[in-house]
Protein backbone atom coordinates (compact mmCIF):
# COMPACT_ATOMS: atom_id res chain seq x y z
CA LEU A 1 54.40 6.36 -139.30
CA TYR A 2 51.38 5.23 -140.33
CA SER A 3 52.85 2.09 -141.00
CA ILE A 4 54.91 2.13 -138.03
CA TYR A 5 52.08 2.79 -135.75
CA ILE A 6 49.75 0.21 -137.55
CA ALA A 7 52.28 -2.54 -137.34
CA LEU A 8 53.19 -2.21 -133.82
CA THR A 9 49.55 -2.08 -132.82
CA VAL A 10 49.32 -5.40 -134.85
CA ILE A 11 52.02 -6.58 -133.54
CA ASN A 12 50.95 -5.96 -129.78
CA THR A 13 47.51 -7.17 -130.12
CA ILE A 14 49.11 -10.31 -131.19
CA PHE A 15 51.19 -11.02 -128.80
CA LEU A 16 48.00 -10.33 -126.34
CA LEU A 17 45.90 -13.05 -127.99
CA CYS A 18 48.57 -15.13 -127.65
CA GLY A 19 48.06 -14.63 -123.80
CA GLY A 20 44.28 -15.69 -123.22
CA MET A 21 42.67 -12.09 -123.90
CA ASN A 22 39.61 -12.13 -126.41
CA LEU A 23 39.77 -10.45 -129.13
CA PHE A 24 37.66 -7.28 -128.66
CA GLU A 25 39.39 -6.91 -124.81
CA ALA A 26 43.24 -7.68 -127.12
CA VAL A 27 42.03 -4.94 -129.23
CA CYS A 28 40.93 -2.09 -126.68
CA THR A 29 44.01 -2.59 -124.74
CA ALA A 30 46.56 -2.36 -127.48
CA PHE A 31 44.48 0.85 -128.87
CA GLY A 32 45.15 2.25 -125.62
CA THR A 33 48.55 1.32 -125.18
CA ALA A 34 49.70 2.34 -128.89
CA GLY A 35 47.43 5.82 -128.12
CA THR A 36 49.07 6.53 -124.78
CA GLY A 37 45.02 6.71 -123.27
CA GLY A 38 45.35 3.98 -120.62
CA SER A 39 41.39 2.90 -120.69
CA GLY A 40 41.66 -0.16 -119.55
CA VAL A 41 38.40 -2.56 -120.24
CA LYS A 42 37.88 -3.43 -116.41
CA ASN A 43 37.53 -1.25 -113.36
CA ASP A 44 41.42 -2.80 -112.39
CA SER A 45 43.18 -1.82 -115.52
CA LEU A 46 45.31 -4.67 -115.91
CA ALA A 47 46.18 -6.20 -112.40
CA SER A 48 44.18 -9.00 -112.87
CA TYR A 49 45.76 -10.49 -115.75
CA SER A 50 48.42 -12.74 -115.90
CA PRO A 51 51.97 -11.60 -116.02
CA TYR A 52 53.04 -12.21 -118.93
CA ILE A 53 50.09 -9.77 -120.48
CA GLN A 54 50.94 -7.47 -118.00
CA ASN A 55 54.88 -7.46 -119.22
CA VAL A 56 53.76 -7.24 -123.02
CA THR A 57 51.81 -4.11 -122.25
CA THR A 58 54.87 -2.52 -120.30
CA VAL A 59 57.32 -3.49 -123.72
CA PHE A 60 54.77 -1.74 -125.66
CA MET A 61 54.54 0.95 -123.78
CA PHE A 62 57.71 1.86 -123.75
CA LEU A 63 58.23 1.19 -127.56
CA PHE A 64 55.42 3.52 -128.32
CA GLY A 65 57.02 6.77 -125.67
CA ILE A 66 60.08 6.35 -128.45
CA ASN A 67 60.51 8.61 -131.23
CA PHE A 68 59.04 6.97 -133.93
CA SER A 69 61.97 8.28 -136.19
CA ILE A 70 64.62 5.82 -134.40
CA TYR A 71 62.16 2.69 -136.04
CA TYR A 72 62.13 4.41 -139.37
CA LEU A 73 66.29 4.68 -138.69
CA LEU A 74 66.24 0.79 -137.98
CA LEU A 75 64.01 0.35 -141.32
CA LEU A 76 66.71 2.35 -143.59
CA LYS A 77 69.45 -0.12 -140.97
CA GLN A 78 71.25 3.29 -139.38
CA PHE A 79 71.60 1.15 -136.66
CA ARG A 80 74.60 3.13 -135.69
CA GLY A 81 72.38 6.53 -135.82
CA ALA A 82 69.80 4.82 -134.05
CA PHE A 83 71.06 4.63 -131.04
CA LYS A 84 73.75 6.88 -130.67
CA ASP A 85 70.78 9.47 -130.58
CA GLU A 86 70.98 11.04 -127.48
CA GLU A 87 67.28 11.46 -126.34
CA LEU A 88 67.05 7.55 -126.73
CA ARG A 89 69.54 7.52 -124.38
CA MET A 90 68.12 9.88 -121.89
CA TYR A 91 64.83 8.15 -122.34
CA LEU A 92 66.36 4.25 -121.80
CA GLY A 93 68.73 6.03 -118.50
CA VAL A 94 65.81 7.80 -116.90
CA ALA A 95 63.85 4.48 -117.20
CA PHE A 96 65.84 1.93 -116.34
CA VAL A 97 67.55 3.88 -113.30
CA SER A 98 63.82 4.60 -112.30
CA ILE A 99 63.10 0.98 -112.15
CA VAL A 100 66.33 -0.01 -110.30
CA LEU A 101 65.50 2.33 -107.64
CA ILE A 102 61.83 1.80 -107.29
CA THR A 103 62.15 -2.03 -107.08
CA LEU A 104 64.67 -1.35 -104.35
CA ASN A 105 62.57 0.59 -102.21
CA ILE A 106 59.25 -1.23 -102.73
CA ARG A 107 60.85 -4.56 -102.00
CA PRO A 108 59.28 -5.52 -98.78
CA LEU A 109 55.96 -5.09 -100.13
CA TYR A 110 56.11 -7.94 -102.71
CA ASP A 111 56.32 -11.65 -101.81
CA THR A 112 58.85 -11.90 -104.79
CA LEU A 113 61.86 -10.04 -106.93
CA GLU A 114 60.00 -11.21 -110.26
CA GLU A 115 56.78 -9.38 -108.89
CA THR A 116 58.55 -6.92 -107.78
CA ILE A 117 60.49 -5.94 -110.80
CA ARG A 118 57.06 -6.48 -112.81
CA HIS A 119 55.15 -3.73 -110.63
CA ALA A 120 58.09 -1.67 -110.78
CA ALA A 121 58.89 -1.59 -115.04
CA PHE A 122 55.03 -1.77 -115.41
CA GLN A 123 54.25 1.94 -113.49
CA VAL A 124 57.65 3.49 -115.02
CA SER A 125 56.51 2.52 -118.29
CA SER A 126 52.65 3.69 -117.65
CA ILE A 127 54.07 6.98 -116.23
CA MET A 128 56.25 8.05 -118.53
CA THR A 129 54.99 6.98 -121.56
CA THR A 130 51.48 8.93 -119.93
CA THR A 131 49.80 6.44 -120.76
CA GLY A 132 48.12 5.55 -117.84
CA TYR A 133 47.60 2.30 -117.00
CA ALA A 134 48.37 -0.14 -113.37
CA THR A 135 48.89 -2.88 -112.38
CA THR A 136 48.79 -2.38 -108.40
CA ASP A 137 47.95 1.08 -106.43
CA PHE A 138 51.17 2.56 -106.49
CA ASP A 139 49.95 5.06 -103.92
CA LEU A 140 50.13 2.91 -101.60
CA TRP A 141 54.49 2.93 -102.15
CA PRO A 142 56.63 4.66 -99.75
CA SER A 143 57.10 8.23 -100.35
CA PHE A 144 60.31 7.74 -102.58
CA SER A 145 58.95 5.07 -105.37
CA LYS A 146 55.85 8.11 -105.68
CA SER A 147 58.32 11.33 -105.84
CA ILE A 148 60.20 9.51 -108.72
CA LEU A 149 56.38 8.86 -110.44
CA LEU A 150 55.92 12.01 -109.92
CA ILE A 151 59.44 13.29 -111.50
CA LEU A 152 58.12 10.79 -114.62
CA MET A 153 54.78 12.34 -115.01
CA VAL A 154 57.20 16.10 -115.87
CA ILE A 155 59.88 14.40 -118.29
CA GLY A 156 57.10 12.21 -120.23
CA ALA A 157 58.06 10.41 -123.52
CA SER A 158 60.04 10.77 -126.31
CA ALA A 159 59.56 13.38 -128.53
CA GLY A 160 57.81 12.24 -132.20
CA SER A 161 56.43 9.38 -129.67
CA THR A 162 52.37 8.97 -129.23
CA GLY A 163 53.21 10.14 -125.61
CA GLY A 164 52.92 13.54 -123.66
CA GLY A 165 55.02 14.97 -120.68
CA PHE A 166 57.21 18.11 -121.25
CA LYS A 167 59.49 15.23 -123.65
CA CYS A 168 62.33 13.65 -123.54
CA ILE A 169 64.74 15.91 -125.47
CA ARG A 170 63.06 19.55 -124.39
CA VAL A 171 65.09 18.25 -120.72
CA LEU A 172 68.20 17.22 -122.02
CA LEU A 173 68.18 21.00 -124.02
CA LEU A 174 67.37 22.95 -120.83
CA LEU A 175 70.23 19.97 -118.88
CA LYS A 176 72.79 21.51 -121.65
CA ILE A 177 71.41 25.01 -121.71
CA LEU A 178 72.28 25.29 -118.13
CA ARG A 179 75.65 23.86 -118.60
CA ARG A 180 76.64 26.40 -120.91
CA ASN A 181 75.44 29.03 -118.91
CA ILE A 182 77.47 27.51 -116.18
CA ARG A 183 80.46 27.38 -118.23
CA GLN A 184 80.35 31.06 -119.71
CA ILE A 185 80.14 32.47 -116.00
CA LEU A 186 83.34 30.54 -115.70
CA ASN A 187 84.75 31.68 -120.01
CA PRO A 188 82.88 35.08 -120.09
CA GLN A 189 84.69 35.64 -124.13
CA LYS A 190 84.23 31.94 -124.94
CA VAL A 191 81.75 31.14 -127.88
CA MET A 192 79.80 28.32 -126.62
CA VAL A 193 77.17 25.90 -129.23
CA VAL A 194 74.43 23.72 -127.89
CA ARG A 195 74.91 21.04 -130.31
CA ASN A 196 72.42 17.62 -130.12
CA ASN A 197 73.42 14.25 -131.59
CA GLY A 198 76.62 16.28 -133.21
CA ARG A 199 74.61 18.65 -134.35
CA ALA A 200 74.81 22.92 -133.54
CA VAL A 201 71.21 23.90 -131.99
CA ASP A 202 69.88 26.88 -133.36
CA GLU A 203 69.33 30.05 -130.81
CA LYS A 204 65.80 29.90 -132.21
CA VAL A 205 64.62 26.61 -130.75
CA LEU A 206 67.12 26.98 -127.39
CA ALA A 207 64.89 30.22 -126.63
CA ASN A 208 61.43 28.32 -127.57
CA THR A 209 62.68 25.28 -125.36
CA ASN A 210 62.70 27.81 -122.36
CA ALA A 211 59.71 29.97 -123.19
CA TYR A 212 57.58 26.72 -122.80
CA LEU A 213 59.21 25.49 -119.29
CA ALA A 214 58.52 29.15 -118.49
CA ALA A 215 54.74 28.14 -120.20
CA TYR A 216 54.40 25.12 -118.40
CA VAL A 217 55.38 26.27 -114.93
CA ILE A 218 53.04 28.92 -114.92
CA ILE A 219 50.30 27.36 -116.09
CA ILE A 220 50.85 24.51 -113.81
CA ILE A 221 50.94 27.40 -110.38
CA ILE A 222 47.93 29.12 -111.86
CA SER A 223 45.90 25.68 -112.03
CA VAL A 224 47.63 24.61 -108.65
CA LEU A 225 45.92 27.04 -107.29
CA LEU A 226 42.56 27.59 -108.83
CA ILE A 227 41.80 23.63 -107.57
CA SER A 228 42.57 23.94 -104.19
CA LEU A 229 39.57 25.83 -103.84
CA ASP A 230 38.19 22.21 -103.63
CA GLY A 231 39.97 21.58 -100.63
CA PHE A 232 41.98 18.63 -101.27
CA ASP A 233 44.91 18.16 -99.91
CA PHE A 234 48.82 19.12 -101.82
CA GLU A 235 49.40 16.05 -102.97
CA THR A 236 45.97 15.18 -104.82
CA ASN A 237 45.89 18.64 -106.18
CA MET A 238 49.61 19.00 -107.61
CA SER A 239 49.60 14.98 -108.85
CA ALA A 240 46.31 15.83 -110.77
CA VAL A 241 47.70 19.16 -112.20
CA LEU A 242 50.41 16.92 -113.78
CA ALA A 243 48.35 14.00 -114.64
CA CYS A 244 46.08 15.83 -116.41
CA PHE A 245 48.28 18.30 -117.88
CA ASN A 246 50.88 15.88 -118.86
CA ASN A 247 47.59 12.97 -120.47
CA ILE A 248 48.65 10.54 -117.74
CA GLY A 249 45.06 9.71 -116.35
CA PRO A 250 45.92 8.66 -112.62
CA GLY A 251 47.88 11.00 -109.77
CA MET A 252 48.31 10.20 -106.30
CA ALA A 253 46.39 9.98 -102.86
CA ALA A 254 42.40 11.08 -104.17
CA VAL A 255 43.07 10.56 -107.65
CA GLY A 256 45.08 7.78 -107.60
CA ALA A 257 45.12 4.01 -109.45
CA THR A 258 41.89 3.12 -107.49
CA CYS A 259 40.36 6.36 -107.30
CA ASN A 260 39.25 9.03 -109.89
CA TYR A 261 38.24 13.08 -110.40
CA ALA A 262 34.64 12.45 -109.26
CA ALA A 263 34.90 14.74 -106.40
CA TYR A 264 36.09 17.95 -107.84
CA SER A 265 33.83 20.72 -108.58
CA VAL A 266 32.70 21.87 -112.23
CA PHE A 267 35.21 25.08 -111.78
CA SER A 268 38.01 22.32 -110.64
CA LYS A 269 37.24 19.84 -113.84
CA ILE A 270 37.05 22.63 -116.72
CA VAL A 271 40.59 23.87 -115.28
CA LEU A 272 41.49 20.93 -115.80
CA SER A 273 40.20 20.01 -118.91
CA ILE A 274 41.92 22.59 -120.24
CA ASN A 275 45.30 21.63 -118.70
CA MET A 276 44.44 18.04 -120.98
CA LEU A 277 43.66 20.04 -123.96
CA ALA A 278 47.40 22.64 -122.86
CA GLY A 279 49.35 19.38 -122.38
CA ARG A 280 48.32 17.37 -125.68
CA LEU A 281 48.68 20.63 -128.04
CA GLU A 282 51.73 21.22 -126.83
CA ILE A 283 50.50 24.59 -125.23
CA PHE A 284 51.08 26.85 -127.13
CA PRO A 285 48.14 26.60 -129.50
CA ILE A 286 45.85 27.06 -126.22
CA LEU A 287 47.19 29.81 -125.24
CA VAL A 288 47.08 31.32 -129.12
CA LEU A 289 42.95 30.56 -128.26
CA LEU A 290 42.83 32.27 -125.74
CA SER A 291 45.21 35.42 -126.79
CA ARG A 292 42.95 38.33 -126.39
CA SER A 293 45.09 39.52 -129.99
CA THR A 294 44.12 36.35 -131.47
CA TRP A 295 40.89 37.59 -131.71
CA THR A 296 40.78 41.34 -131.56
CA ARG A 297 43.51 41.33 -134.85
CA ARG A 298 42.48 42.34 -137.82
């Protein structure tokens, strides 16, 4: 894993250097891409860089959002197993459909089709992998495109990647659980097993996925209610919680790509900070830490 991470980071840096970046900017941008941190060296993120730099960053953000076990399979020359991975297929499918839909929706905003696709692909890759870079103010996009980006904030990247979010594998399992429950209603006597990549998924894993979803939704609801005391509109509050909880960075409206979180109160910043920690640590460690039973246990 270390070797794959370092190799991708070095290759990314080399491609950025070839695009005219100096060494400092190339290294910082590559680190921000590899760790999906998204901290740029310029105030406008990557908007002022060339299309080449933006396209390179798009590709590498996307690569770092893939489960690293896929790269391991490729190194072992198990190409069939890698490309048959259901989570990878979902990751690719969601990204492709999102790019197509956003491109069609924002086409009137840009002069050329190339520029439209470039911005759409960049923002889909940035948001879905929870990196947080930006090449344009996507808060000015139509509501349809912004809604897609909000959904991508929740879905996130693949498990075993450097990205955050709910993760594609959990979404995939939830869809399969839903399908099984519907089929069991129609066939009550039939025993049905949820499978992933042809293997039966343990019921404990499915129960943990449902528990994670419950905790995920409850924390988001409580967080939105708490920070709404500051008086911002719902779009700002919801996107702020989603952006922090899923470790993305920029949200919508008052916390959009060209704005920040400075206007929130100290209390709201504490809530959002806890969201960032909980999202990065997959919720349960933070819940255990804050549980009274943890501190009263002998």
